[in-house]
């Protein structure tokens, strides 16, 4: 049963619509978007660092951060005299990643303009994204480590990941694993608790390296060998 305009007006709720509008308004500024994209590396940043990323004055950055805080997109952490800003939660990271994908699709069809260093391997908040991540996900589905929908680790997959040293949480507070649409590759990479644990292992084993403050990841020589052997990643294109 659908509501008529009159019935809708007689039951004005509007809370959800207003909240959605507030989030959209917070995203409707290139400087604020630059800050949010920087926070996608999973770290907490100072206002000064974010002002440099957005190429704006610290005083201007303060106003933008207030707007992002008010919309619930970020949170502020105080430590001594310092204040640090980070994304509010993983759901916000997913929102930004999805928005990147929608924005890319809205552009006229053409060769990808994504910087190669980001397209190859990068963080998607707390898990791996980019060409390498898409390759790992495709292998896991083909090897039946994942169900075809990507939402569940198979018994074989769980055993294989544990054998590699991946520290899977037996009682994750979020999805154990899930497919995450990669905005540059337009295919899926692994998200959820398993995706985060897999990235943590790659960094721990130094198969990947990351410069503080940047989303891009570098595949080390050790990593190229391991990822070729374990996940059949083809590095001949780079």
Protein backbone atom coordinates (compact mmCIF):
# COMPACT_ATOMS: atom_id res chain seq x y z
CA UNK A 1 0.00 0.00 0.00
CA UNK A 2 1.46 3.36 -1.03
CA UNK A 3 0.89 6.65 0.76
CA UNK A 4 -0.76 9.57 -1.00
CA UNK A 5 0.84 12.99 -0.75
CA UNK A 6 -1.82 14.03 1.78
CA UNK A 7 -1.24 10.94 3.93
CA UNK A 8 2.50 11.53 3.83
CA UNK A 9 2.09 15.15 4.93
CA UNK A 10 -0.11 14.06 7.80
CA UNK A 11 2.64 11.79 9.08
CA UNK A 12 5.74 13.96 8.72
CA UNK A 13 8.74 12.12 10.02
CA UNK A 14 11.52 13.44 7.84
CA UNK A 15 14.27 12.38 10.26
CA UNK A 16 15.89 9.97 7.86
CA UNK A 17 15.67 12.38 4.94
CA UNK A 18 17.25 15.18 6.97
CA UNK A 19 20.04 12.92 8.18
CA UNK A 20 20.75 11.77 4.61
CA UNK A 21 20.79 15.38 3.43
CA UNK A 22 23.28 16.29 6.18
CA UNK A 23 25.63 13.51 5.09
CA UNK A 24 25.29 14.52 1.43
CA UNK A 25 25.98 18.16 2.32
CA UNK A 26 29.10 17.16 4.25
CA UNK A 27 30.37 15.31 1.18
CA UNK A 28 29.56 18.16 -1.18
CA UNK A 29 32.95 19.88 -0.93
CA UNK A 30 36.23 18.82 -2.61
CA UNK A 31 38.32 19.76 0.43
CA UNK A 32 36.25 17.63 2.77
CA UNK A 33 36.32 14.75 0.28
CA UNK A 34 40.13 15.03 0.13
CA UNK A 35 40.26 14.73 3.91
CA UNK A 36 37.99 11.69 3.93
CA UNK A 37 40.04 10.00 1.20
CA UNK A 38 43.21 10.58 3.23
CA UNK A 39 41.58 8.97 6.27
CA UNK A 40 40.90 5.85 4.17
CA UNK A 41 44.40 4.67 5.11
CA UNK A 42 42.94 3.74 8.51
CA UNK A 43 45.16 6.09 10.55
CA UNK A 44 44.21 9.04 12.73
CA UNK A 45 45.38 12.39 11.33
CA UNK A 46 45.86 15.82 12.91
CA UNK A 47 44.00 18.86 11.61
CA UNK A 48 47.28 20.29 10.32
CA UNK A 49 48.07 17.13 8.34
CA UNK A 50 44.58 17.12 6.83
CA UNK A 51 44.86 20.79 5.89
CA UNK A 52 48.03 19.97 3.93
CA UNK A 53 46.29 17.11 2.14
CA UNK A 54 43.35 19.32 1.21
CA UNK A 55 45.68 22.24 0.32
CA UNK A 56 43.80 24.69 2.53
CA UNK A 57 44.65 26.89 5.52
CA UNK A 58 44.47 25.28 8.99
CA UNK A 59 41.73 27.72 9.98
CA UNK A 60 39.65 26.65 6.98
CA UNK A 61 40.32 22.98 7.75
CA UNK A 62 38.89 23.48 11.24
CA UNK A 63 35.53 24.49 9.81
CA UNK A 64 35.48 21.54 7.45
CA UNK A 65 36.33 19.12 10.25
CA UNK A 66 33.50 20.53 12.35
CA UNK A 67 31.14 19.84 9.45
CA UNK A 68 32.39 16.26 9.08
CA UNK A 69 32.10 15.67 12.83
CA UNK A 70 28.58 17.03 12.88
CA UNK A 71 27.50 14.67 10.12
CA UNK A 72 28.97 11.64 11.90
CA UNK A 73 31.48 10.87 9.14
CA UNK A 74 34.55 11.23 11.35
CA UNK A 75 35.41 11.14 15.01
CA UNK A 76 37.88 13.11 17.10
CA UNK A 77 40.32 11.47 19.50
CA UNK A 78 42.09 13.59 22.14
CA UNK A 79 45.48 12.56 23.43
CA UNK A 80 47.10 15.06 25.72
CA UNK A 81 47.04 18.42 24.00
CA UNK A 82 46.69 16.87 20.59
CA UNK A 83 43.53 16.03 18.67
CA UNK A 84 43.39 13.36 16.01
CA UNK A 85 40.69 12.65 13.45
CA UNK A 86 39.71 9.33 11.91
CA UNK A 87 36.78 7.86 10.00
CA UNK A 88 33.87 7.15 12.30
CA UNK A 89 33.74 3.44 11.47
CA UNK A 90 34.16 0.82 8.74
CA UNK A 91 30.71 1.56 7.35
CA UNK A 92 31.83 5.11 6.52
CA UNK A 93 34.90 3.69 4.77
CA UNK A 94 32.60 1.47 2.73
CA UNK A 95 30.42 4.45 1.87
CA UNK A 96 33.41 6.40 0.57
CA UNK A 97 34.75 3.44 -1.41
CA UNK A 98 31.33 2.93 -2.99
CA UNK A 99 31.08 6.62 -3.77
CA UNK A 100 34.41 6.40 -5.58
CA UNK A 101 33.03 3.57 -7.69
CA UNK A 102 29.82 5.46 -8.50
CA UNK A 103 31.82 8.57 -9.39
CA UNK A 104 34.07 6.60 -11.72
CA UNK A 105 31.06 5.05 -13.48
CA UNK A 106 29.50 8.49 -13.90
CA UNK A 107 32.44 9.58 -16.05
CA UNK A 108 32.37 9.11 -19.84
CA UNK A 109 33.76 5.74 -20.94
CA UNK A 110 37.51 6.02 -21.25
CA UNK A 111 40.72 4.49 -20.03
CA UNK A 112 41.03 4.48 -16.26
CA UNK A 113 42.55 7.65 -14.86
CA UNK A 114 43.30 6.04 -11.50
CA UNK A 115 46.99 6.59 -10.61
CA UNK A 116 48.87 3.35 -11.29
CA UNK A 117 50.35 3.29 -7.79
CA UNK A 118 46.81 3.21 -6.35
CA UNK A 119 45.38 0.88 -8.95
CA UNK A 120 48.02 -1.78 -8.33
CA UNK A 121 47.66 -2.11 -4.55
CA UNK A 122 46.18 0.13 -1.87
CA UNK A 123 44.33 -0.02 1.40
CA UNK A 124 40.54 0.11 1.53
CA UNK A 125 40.43 1.25 5.16
CA UNK A 126 41.62 -1.97 6.82
CA UNK A 127 41.80 -4.42 3.91
CA UNK A 128 43.59 -4.78 0.59
CA UNK A 129 42.26 -3.28 -2.65
CA UNK A 130 43.46 -2.86 -6.23
CA UNK A 131 44.67 -5.28 -8.88
CA UNK A 132 46.50 -7.51 -6.43
CA UNK A 133 43.47 -7.76 -4.13
CA UNK A 134 41.15 -8.58 -7.03
CA UNK A 135 43.55 -11.33 -8.09
CA UNK A 136 43.66 -12.79 -4.58
CA UNK A 137 39.85 -12.79 -4.38
CA UNK A 138 39.47 -14.45 -7.80
CA UNK A 139 41.90 -17.19 -6.78
CA UNK A 140 40.08 -17.80 -3.49
CA UNK A 141 36.77 -18.23 -5.30
CA UNK A 142 38.28 -20.50 -7.97
CA UNK A 143 40.07 -22.60 -5.34
CA UNK A 144 36.82 -22.80 -3.38
CA UNK A 145 38.26 -21.07 -0.34
CA UNK A 146 35.21 -18.80 -0.60
CA UNK A 147 31.62 -19.54 -1.49
CA UNK A 148 30.68 -18.20 -4.92
CA UNK A 149 28.93 -15.17 -3.40
CA UNK A 150 32.04 -14.33 -1.38
CA UNK A 151 30.14 -14.11 1.89
CA UNK A 152 31.53 -17.20 3.60
CA UNK A 153 34.87 -18.92 4.00
CA UNK A 154 34.59 -22.60 3.17
CA UNK A 155 36.11 -25.14 5.62
CA UNK A 156 38.95 -25.55 3.10
CA UNK A 157 39.45 -21.81 2.86
CA UNK A 158 39.50 -21.36 6.61
CA UNK A 159 42.04 -24.17 6.97
CA UNK A 160 44.25 -22.71 4.24
CA UNK A 161 44.21 -19.19 5.71
CA UNK A 162 44.96 -20.44 9.20
CA UNK A 163 47.79 -22.50 7.72
CA UNK A 164 49.26 -19.34 6.21
CA UNK A 165 49.17 -17.69 9.61
CA UNK A 166 46.12 -15.49 9.07
CA UNK A 167 44.69 -14.59 12.48
CA UNK A 168 40.97 -15.12 11.96
CA UNK A 169 38.71 -13.92 14.73
CA UNK A 170 36.47 -16.82 15.85
CA UNK A 171 33.77 -14.35 16.92
CA UNK A 172 34.10 -11.27 14.72
CA UNK A 173 31.94 -8.27 15.60
CA UNK A 174 31.33 -7.67 11.89
CA UNK A 175 30.97 -9.86 8.82
CA UNK A 176 33.52 -12.66 8.82
CA UNK A 177 34.11 -11.95 5.13
CA UNK A 178 32.31 -10.24 2.29
CA UNK A 179 32.88 -9.15 -1.31
CA UNK A 180 33.81 -5.47 -1.64
CA UNK A 181 33.48 -3.89 -5.07
CA UNK A 182 36.83 -2.43 -6.12
CA UNK A 183 36.23 1.05 -7.51
CA UNK A 184 39.22 1.03 -9.87
CA UNK A 185 38.97 -2.56 -11.10
CA UNK A 186 35.14 -2.87 -11.07
CA UNK A 187 35.54 -6.38 -9.67
CA UNK A 188 35.47 -7.72 -6.14
CA UNK A 189 38.17 -7.89 -3.50
CA UNK A 190 37.91 -9.45 -0.04
CA UNK A 191 36.47 -7.36 2.78
CA UNK A 192 35.23 -8.09 6.28
CA UNK A 193 37.24 -9.54 9.15
CA UNK A 194 39.04 -12.03 6.89
CA UNK A 195 40.07 -9.28 4.48
CA UNK A 196 41.54 -7.21 7.32
CA UNK A 197 43.36 -10.23 8.77
CA UNK A 198 44.80 -11.13 5.36
CA UNK A 199 46.19 -7.61 4.86
CA UNK A 200 47.65 -7.68 8.37
CA UNK A 201 49.48 -10.92 7.50
CA UNK A 202 50.82 -9.50 4.21
CA UNK A 203 52.21 -6.48 6.07
CA UNK A 204 53.57 -8.58 8.93
CA UNK A 205 55.42 -10.87 6.52
CA UNK A 206 56.62 -7.80 4.60
CA UNK A 207 55.07 -9.00 1.40
CA UNK A 208 53.64 -5.50 1.21
CA UNK A 209 55.06 -2.24 2.49
CA UNK A 210 53.30 1.05 3.17
CA UNK A 211 54.58 4.55 3.74
CA UNK A 212 52.84 6.24 6.70
CA UNK A 213 50.11 8.57 5.53
CA UNK A 214 49.56 6.99 2.13
CA UNK A 215 47.01 4.45 0.87
CA UNK A 216 49.22 2.92 -1.80
CA UNK A 217 51.03 -0.31 -1.02
CA UNK A 218 54.23 -1.63 -2.57
CA UNK A 219 54.64 -5.33 -3.30
CA UNK A 220 58.13 -6.33 -2.18
CA UNK A 221 60.29 -8.87 -4.02
CA UNK A 222 59.53 -11.35 -1.25
CA UNK A 223 55.86 -10.55 -1.67
CA UNK A 224 55.90 -11.05 -5.44
CA UNK A 225 57.34 -14.53 -4.99
CA UNK A 226 54.89 -15.47 -2.23
CA UNK A 227 51.79 -14.07 -3.94
CA UNK A 228 52.71 -15.78 -7.22
CA UNK A 229 53.13 -19.12 -5.49
CA UNK A 230 50.17 -18.93 -3.11
CA UNK A 231 47.58 -16.98 -5.09
CA UNK A 232 48.87 -17.24 -8.68
CA UNK A 233 49.09 -13.45 -9.01
CA UNK A 234 50.56 -12.51 -12.38
CA UNK A 235 53.07 -9.66 -12.04
CA UNK A 236 54.23 -9.71 -15.67
CA UNK A 237 52.09 -6.63 -16.42
CA UNK A 238 54.08 -4.39 -14.07
